[in-house]
């Protein structure tokens, strides 16, 4: 039987995805694995953020979650 490659591979990154994933799940959201290295994070209501660098991405994510939490979960 041939081995089937899984899309669940660990990749070395500078973003601590496990921390982001834990937060999304703690907020009642969902984490869906997609094809390749794509992941869909879902929280209702949607929390949007954008950054061009890891530092910007992290700062915008934290600011967006702070705003969400201030509005009440």
PDB file of N, CA and C in Angstrom:
ATOM      1  N   UNK A   1       0.848  -1.173   0.000  1.00  0.00           N
ATOM      2  CA  UNK A   1       0.000   0.000   0.000  1.00  0.00           C
ATOM      3  C   UNK A   1       0.899   1.243   0.000  1.00  0.00           C
ATOM      4  N   UNK A   2       0.621   2.175  -0.870  1.00  0.00           N
ATOM      5  CA  UNK A   2       1.420   3.404  -0.973  1.00  0.00           C
ATOM      6  C   UNK A   2       1.051   4.366   0.145  1.00  0.00           C
ATOM      7  N   UNK A   3       2.062   5.053   0.627  1.00  0.00           N
ATOM      8  CA  UNK A   3       1.824   6.056   1.667  1.00  0.00           C
ATOM      9  C   UNK A   3       1.162   7.280   1.046  1.00  0.00           C
ATOM     10  N   UNK A   4       0.220   7.842   1.761  1.00  0.00           N
ATOM     11  CA  UNK A   4      -0.477   9.038   1.294  1.00  0.00           C
ATOM     12  C   UNK A   4       0.078  10.230   2.056  1.00  0.00           C
ATOM     13  N   UNK A   5       0.486  11.253   1.324  1.00  0.00           N
ATOM     14  CA  UNK A   5       1.022  12.459   1.972  1.00  0.00           C
ATOM     15  C   UNK A   5      -0.104  13.210   2.659  1.00  0.00           C
ATOM     16  N   UNK A   6       0.150  13.656   3.843  1.00  0.00           N
ATOM     17  CA  UNK A   6      -0.835  14.418   4.595  1.00  0.00           C
ATOM     18  C   UNK A   6      -0.520  15.899   4.491  1.00  0.00           C
ATOM     19  N   UNK A   7      -1.564  16.735   4.498  1.00  0.00           N
ATOM     20  CA  UNK A   7      -1.337  18.173   4.500  1.00  0.00           C
ATOM     21  C   UNK A   7      -1.106  18.683   5.921  1.00  0.00           C
ATOM     22  N   UNK A   8      -1.024  17.785   6.905  1.00  0.00           N
ATOM     23  CA  UNK A   8      -0.773  18.162   8.293  1.00  0.00           C
ATOM     24  C   UNK A   8       0.719  18.062   8.587  1.00  0.00           C
ATOM     25  N   UNK A   9       1.502  18.914   7.980  1.00  0.00           N
ATOM     26  CA  UNK A   9       2.927  18.956   8.227  1.00  0.00           C
ATOM     27  C   UNK A   9       3.251  20.163   9.090  1.00  0.00           C
ATOM     28  N   UNK A  10       4.235  20.024   9.933  1.00  0.00           N
ATOM     29  CA  UNK A  10       4.677  21.155  10.749  1.00  0.00           C
ATOM     30  C   UNK A  10       5.660  21.991   9.935  1.00  0.00           C
ATOM     31  N   UNK A  11       5.492  23.297   9.973  1.00  0.00           N
ATOM     32  CA  UNK A  11       6.371  24.201   9.255  1.00  0.00           C
ATOM     33  C   UNK A  11       6.962  25.177  10.249  1.00  0.00           C
ATOM     34  N   UNK A  12       8.240  25.460  10.106  1.00  0.00           N
ATOM     35  CA  UNK A  12       8.914  26.429  10.949  1.00  0.00           C
ATOM     36  C   UNK A  12       8.522  27.825  10.483  1.00  0.00           C
ATOM     37  N   UNK A  13       7.926  28.612  11.374  1.00  0.00           N
ATOM     38  CA  UNK A  13       7.516  29.970  11.027  1.00  0.00           C
ATOM     39  C   UNK A  13       7.900  30.921  12.147  1.00  0.00           C
ATOM     40  N   UNK A  14       7.781  32.194  11.872  1.00  0.00           N
ATOM     41  CA  UNK A  14       8.048  33.190  12.898  1.00  0.00           C
ATOM     42  C   UNK A  14       6.768  33.607  13.610  1.00  0.00           C
ATOM     43  N   UNK A  15       5.608  33.151  13.150  1.00  0.00           N
ATOM     44  CA  UNK A  15       4.336  33.428  13.800  1.00  0.00           C
ATOM     45  C   UNK A  15       3.981  32.216  14.655  1.00  0.00           C
ATOM     46  N   UNK A  16       3.694  32.452  15.923  1.00  0.00           N
ATOM     47  CA  UNK A  16       3.336  31.356  16.832  1.00  0.00           C
ATOM     48  C   UNK A  16       1.881  30.971  16.577  1.00  0.00           C
ATOM     49  N   UNK A  17       1.668  30.145  15.553  1.00  0.00           N
ATOM     50  CA  UNK A  17       0.312  29.791  15.159  1.00  0.00           C
ATOM     51  C   UNK A  17      -0.438  29.070  16.265  1.00  0.00           C
ATOM     52  N   UNK A  18       0.250  28.255  17.045  1.00  0.00           N
ATOM     53  CA  UNK A  18      -0.425  27.527  18.123  1.00  0.00           C
ATOM     54  C   UNK A  18      -1.084  28.497  19.099  1.00  0.00           C
ATOM     55  N   UNK A  19      -0.437  29.639  19.350  1.00  0.00           N
ATOM     56  CA  UNK A  19      -1.022  30.648  20.236  1.00  0.00           C
ATOM     57  C   UNK A  19      -2.265  31.271  19.608  1.00  0.00           C
ATOM     58  N   UNK A  20      -2.186  31.583  18.325  1.00  0.00           N
ATOM     59  CA  UNK A  20      -3.333  32.159  17.622  1.00  0.00           C
ATOM     60  C   UNK A  20      -4.476  31.151  17.582  1.00  0.00           C
ATOM     61  N   UNK A  21      -4.145  29.896  17.273  1.00  0.00           N
ATOM     62  CA  UNK A  21      -5.157  28.841  17.212  1.00  0.00           C
ATOM     63  C   UNK A  21      -5.852  28.677  18.564  1.00  0.00           C
ATOM     64  N   UNK A  22      -5.085  28.679  19.643  1.00  0.00           N
ATOM     65  CA  UNK A  22      -5.660  28.536  20.986  1.00  0.00           C
ATOM     66  C   UNK A  22      -6.607  29.684  21.304  1.00  0.00           C
ATOM     67  N   UNK A  23      -6.219  30.895  20.921  1.00  0.00           N
ATOM     68  CA  UNK A  23      -7.062  32.053  21.177  1.00  0.00           C
ATOM     69  C   UNK A  23      -8.361  31.976  20.390  1.00  0.00           C
ATOM     70  N   UNK A  24      -8.265  31.622  19.122  1.00  0.00           N
ATOM     71  CA  UNK A  24      -9.464  31.497  18.285  1.00  0.00           C
ATOM     72  C   UNK A  24     -10.418  30.479  18.896  1.00  0.00           C
ATOM     73  N   UNK A  25      -9.897  29.337  19.320  1.00  0.00           N
ATOM     74  CA  UNK A  25     -10.734  28.301  19.925  1.00  0.00           C
ATOM     75  C   UNK A  25     -11.322  28.770  21.253  1.00  0.00           C
ATOM     76  N   UNK A  26     -10.540  29.510  22.045  1.00  0.00           N
ATOM     77  CA  UNK A  26     -11.034  30.019  23.329  1.00  0.00           C
ATOM     78  C   UNK A  26     -12.154  31.035  23.130  1.00  0.00           C
ATOM     79  N   UNK A  27     -12.150  31.735  22.002  1.00  0.00           N
ATOM     80  CA  UNK A  27     -13.196  32.702  21.698  1.00  0.00           C
ATOM     81  C   UNK A  27     -14.438  32.042  21.102  1.00  0.00           C
ATOM     82  N   UNK A  28     -14.416  30.707  21.018  1.00  0.00           N
ATOM     83  CA  UNK A  28     -15.564  29.990  20.476  1.00  0.00           C
ATOM     84  C   UNK A  28     -15.525  29.835  18.976  1.00  0.00           C
ATOM     85  N   UNK A  29     -14.373  30.096  18.386  1.00  0.00           N
ATOM     86  CA  UNK A  29     -14.240  29.994  16.939  1.00  0.00           C
ATOM     87  C   UNK A  29     -13.866  28.594  16.500  1.00  0.00           C
ATOM     88  N   UNK A  30     -13.517  28.493  15.243  1.00  0.00           N
ATOM     89  CA  UNK A  30     -13.129  27.202  14.694  1.00  0.00           C
ATOM     90  C   UNK A  30     -11.884  27.351  13.832  1.00  0.00           C
ATOM     91  N   UNK A  31     -11.129  26.284  13.744  1.00  0.00           N
ATOM     92  CA  UNK A  31      -9.917  26.243  12.926  1.00  0.00           C
ATOM     93  C   UNK A  31     -10.100  25.083  11.948  1.00  0.00           C
ATOM     94  N   UNK A  32     -10.152  25.420  10.661  1.00  0.00           N
ATOM     95  CA  UNK A  32     -10.363  24.409   9.628  1.00  0.00           C
ATOM     96  C   UNK A  32      -9.127  24.307   8.750  1.00  0.00           C
ATOM     97  N   UNK A  33      -8.587  23.115   8.632  1.00  0.00           N
ATOM     98  CA  UNK A  33      -7.427  22.903   7.774  1.00  0.00           C
ATOM     99  C   UNK A  33      -7.882  22.805   6.329  1.00  0.00           C
ATOM    100  N   UNK A  34      -7.153  23.466   5.472  1.00  0.00           N
ATOM    101  CA  UNK A  34      -7.458  23.471   4.045  1.00  0.00           C
ATOM    102  C   UNK A  34      -6.325  22.805   3.288  1.00  0.00           C
ATOM    103  N   UNK A  35      -6.384  22.865   1.981  1.00  0.00           N
ATOM    104  CA  UNK A  35      -5.369  22.251   1.130  1.00  0.00           C
ATOM    105  C   UNK A  35      -4.021  22.932   1.331  1.00  0.00           C
ATOM    106  N   UNK A  36      -2.972  22.159   1.332  1.00  0.00           N
ATOM    107  CA  UNK A  36      -1.627  22.701   1.500  1.00  0.00           C
ATOM    108  C   UNK A  36      -1.444  23.243   2.898  1.00  0.00           C
ATOM    109  N   UNK A  37      -0.907  24.433   3.012  1.00  0.00           N
ATOM    110  CA  UNK A  37      -0.669  25.028   4.325  1.00  0.00           C
ATOM    111  C   UNK A  37      -1.745  26.040   4.693  1.00  0.00           C
ATOM    112  N   UNK A  38      -2.833  26.064   3.960  1.00  0.00           N
ATOM    113  CA  UNK A  38      -3.892  27.035   4.205  1.00  0.00           C
ATOM    114  C   UNK A  38      -4.769  26.602   5.376  1.00  0.00           C
ATOM    115  N   UNK A  39      -5.113  27.570   6.184  1.00  0.00           N
ATOM    116  CA  UNK A  39      -5.966  27.324   7.345  1.00  0.00           C
ATOM    117  C   UNK A  39      -7.011  28.420   7.384  1.00  0.00           C
ATOM    118  N   UNK A  40      -8.252  28.051   7.671  1.00  0.00           N
ATOM    119  CA  UNK A  40      -9.323  29.033   7.810  1.00  0.00           C
ATOM    120  C   UNK A  40      -9.646  29.164   9.288  1.00  0.00           C
ATOM    121  N   UNK A  41      -9.565  30.389   9.797  1.00  0.00           N
ATOM    122  CA  UNK A  41      -9.903  30.670  11.180  1.00  0.00           C
ATOM    123  C   UNK A  41     -11.259  31.358  11.184  1.00  0.00           C
ATOM    124  N   UNK A  42     -12.186  30.827  11.960  1.00  0.00           N
ATOM    125  CA  UNK A  42     -13.520  31.411  11.982  1.00  0.00           C
ATOM    126  C   UNK A  42     -13.957  31.799  13.371  1.00  0.00           C
ATOM    127  N   UNK A  43     -14.359  33.047  13.514  1.00  0.00           N
ATOM    128  CA  UNK A  43     -14.929  33.556  14.754  1.00  0.00           C
ATOM    129  C   UNK A  43     -16.138  34.382  14.349  1.00  0.00           C
ATOM    130  N   UNK A  44     -17.209  34.227  15.058  1.00  0.00           N
ATOM    131  CA  UNK A  44     -18.403  35.029  14.803  1.00  0.00           C
ATOM    132  C   UNK A  44     -18.543  36.035  15.895  1.00  0.00           C
ATOM    133  N   UNK A  45     -18.621  37.296  15.700  1.00  0.00           N
ATOM    134  CA  UNK A  45     -18.472  37.972  14.418  1.00  0.00           C
ATOM    135  C   UNK A  45     -17.036  37.880  13.908  1.00  0.00           C
ATOM    136  N   UNK A  46     -16.863  38.216  12.669  1.00  0.00           N
ATOM    137  CA  UNK A  46     -15.545  38.113  12.044  1.00  0.00           C
ATOM    138  C   UNK A  46     -14.605  39.172  12.608  1.00  0.00           C
ATOM    139  N   UNK A  47     -13.400  38.759  12.935  1.00  0.00           N
ATOM    140  CA  UNK A  47     -12.356  39.671  13.384  1.00  0.00           C
ATOM    141  C   UNK A  47     -11.374  39.801  12.229  1.00  0.00           C
ATOM    142  N   UNK A  48     -11.267  41.005  11.679  1.00  0.00           N
ATOM    143  CA  UNK A  48     -10.385  41.214  10.546  1.00  0.00           C
ATOM    144  C   UNK A  48      -9.120  41.950  10.944  1.00  0.00           C
ATOM    145  N   UNK A  49      -8.009  41.557  10.342  1.00  0.00           N
ATOM    146  CA  UNK A  49      -6.739  42.236  10.567  1.00  0.00           C
ATOM    147  C   UNK A  49      -5.828  41.964   9.385  1.00  0.00           C
ATOM    148  N   UNK A  50      -4.857  42.856   9.192  1.00  0.00           N
ATOM    149  CA  UNK A  50      -3.957  42.731   8.053  1.00  0.00           C
ATOM    150  C   UNK A  50      -2.605  43.325   8.420  1.00  0.00           C
ATOM    151  N   UNK A  51      -1.552  42.725   7.928  1.00  0.00           N
ATOM    152  CA  UNK A  51      -0.212  43.255   8.140  1.00  0.00           C
ATOM    153  C   UNK A  51       0.707  42.820   7.023  1.00  0.00           C
ATOM    154  N   UNK A  52       1.668  43.634   6.716  1.00  0.00           N
ATOM    155  CA  UNK A  52       2.633  43.328   5.661  1.00  0.00           C
ATOM    156  C   UNK A  52       3.845  42.566   6.189  1.00  0.00           C
ATOM    157  N   UNK A  53       4.129  42.716   7.466  1.00  0.00           N
ATOM    158  CA  UNK A  53       5.261  42.022   8.081  1.00  0.00           C
ATOM    159  C   UNK A  53       4.747  41.224   9.273  1.00  0.00           C
ATOM    160  N   UNK A  54       5.586  40.359   9.796  1.00  0.00           N
ATOM    161  CA  UNK A  54       5.192  39.578  10.977  1.00  0.00           C
ATOM    162  C   UNK A  54       4.869  40.509  12.141  1.00  0.00           C
ATOM    163  N   UNK A  55       5.685  41.534  12.331  1.00  0.00           N
ATOM    164  CA  UNK A  55       5.462  42.482  13.426  1.00  0.00           C
ATOM    165  C   UNK A  55       4.128  43.213  13.255  1.00  0.00           C
ATOM    166  N   UNK A  56       3.832  43.672  12.029  1.00  0.00           N
ATOM    167  CA  UNK A  56       2.556  44.346  11.772  1.00  0.00           C
ATOM    168  C   UNK A  56       1.388  43.393  11.942  1.00  0.00           C
ATOM    169  N   UNK A  57       1.538  42.171  11.445  1.00  0.00           N
ATOM    170  CA  UNK A  57       0.487  41.172  11.559  1.00  0.00           C
ATOM    171  C   UNK A  57       0.164  40.888  13.018  1.00  0.00           C
ATOM    172  N   UNK A  58       1.195  40.691  13.820  1.00  0.00           N
ATOM    173  CA  UNK A  58       1.006  40.420  15.243  1.00  0.00           C
ATOM    174  C   UNK A  58       0.325  41.607  15.942  1.00  0.00           C
ATOM    175  N   UNK A  59       0.796  42.825  15.668  1.00  0.00           N
ATOM    176  CA  UNK A  59       0.230  44.016  16.305  1.00  0.00           C
ATOM    177  C   UNK A  59      -1.234  44.220  15.898  1.00  0.00           C
ATOM    178  N   UNK A  60      -1.540  44.039  14.626  1.00  0.00           N
ATOM    179  CA  UNK A  60      -2.916  44.212  14.154  1.00  0.00           C
ATOM    180  C   UNK A  60      -3.842  43.131  14.706  1.00  0.00           C
ATOM    181  N   UNK A  61      -3.333  41.911  14.814  1.00  0.00           N
ATOM    182  CA  UNK A  61      -4.129  40.821  15.388  1.00  0.00           C
ATOM    183  C   UNK A  61      -4.463  41.124  16.849  1.00  0.00           C
ATOM    184  N   UNK A  62      -3.461  41.545  17.609  1.00  0.00           N
ATOM    185  CA  UNK A  62      -3.681  41.856  19.030  1.00  0.00           C
ATOM    186  C   UNK A  62      -4.669  43.012  19.171  1.00  0.00           C
ATOM    187  N   UNK A  63      -4.515  44.053  18.366  1.00  0.00           N
ATOM    188  CA  UNK A  63      -5.429  45.197  18.425  1.00  0.00           C
ATOM    189  C   UNK A  63      -6.854  44.780  18.066  1.00  0.00           C
ATOM    190  N   UNK A  64      -7.006  43.929  17.045  1.00  0.00           N
ATOM    191  CA  UNK A  64      -8.343  43.484  16.635  1.00  0.00           C
ATOM    192  C   UNK A  64      -9.006  42.647  17.723  1.00  0.00           C
ATOM    193  N   UNK A  65      -8.248  41.774  18.369  1.00  0.00           N
ATOM    194  CA  UNK A  65      -8.809  40.944  19.437  1.00  0.00           C
ATOM    195  C   UNK A  65      -9.145  41.810  20.654  1.00  0.00           C
ATOM    196  N   UNK A  66      -8.281  42.767  20.972  1.00  0.00           N
ATOM    197  CA  UNK A  66      -8.580  43.685  22.072  1.00  0.00           C
ATOM    198  C   UNK A  66      -9.885  44.427  21.835  1.00  0.00           C
ATOM    199  N   UNK A  67     -10.070  44.935  20.616  1.00  0.00           N
ATOM    200  CA  UNK A  67     -11.316  45.624  20.270  1.00  0.00           C
ATOM    201  C   UNK A  67     -12.519  44.696  20.411  1.00  0.00           C
ATOM    202  N   UNK A  68     -12.369  43.471  19.947  1.00  0.00           N
ATOM    203  CA  UNK A  68     -13.446  42.481  20.038  1.00  0.00           C
ATOM    204  C   UNK A  68     -13.810  42.203  21.499  1.00  0.00           C
ATOM    205  N   UNK A  69     -12.800  42.039  22.335  1.00  0.00           N
ATOM    206  CA  UNK A  69     -13.051  41.728  23.738  1.00  0.00           C
ATOM    207  C   UNK A  69     -13.654  42.923  24.490  1.00  0.00           C
ATOM    208  N   UNK A  70     -13.258  44.141  24.128  1.00  0.00           N
ATOM    209  CA  UNK A  70     -13.821  45.330  24.754  1.00  0.00           C
ATOM    210  C   UNK A  70     -15.307  45.481  24.443  1.00  0.00           C
ATOM    211  N   UNK A  71     -15.719  45.015  23.253  1.00  0.00           N
ATOM    212  CA  UNK A  71     -17.123  45.076  22.876  1.00  0.00           C
ATOM    213  C   UNK A  71     -17.957  44.025  23.601  1.00  0.00           C
ATOM    214  N   UNK A  72     -17.298  43.039  24.184  1.00  0.00           N
ATOM    215  CA  UNK A  72     -18.001  41.962  24.883  1.00  0.00           C
ATOM    216  C   UNK A  72     -18.150  40.739  24.015  1.00  0.00           C
ATOM    217  N   UNK A  73     -17.810  39.607  24.567  1.00  0.00           N
ATOM    218  CA  UNK A  73     -17.852  38.350  23.816  1.00  0.00           C
ATOM    219  C   UNK A  73     -19.233  37.741  23.934  1.00  0.00           C
TER     220      UNK A  73
END
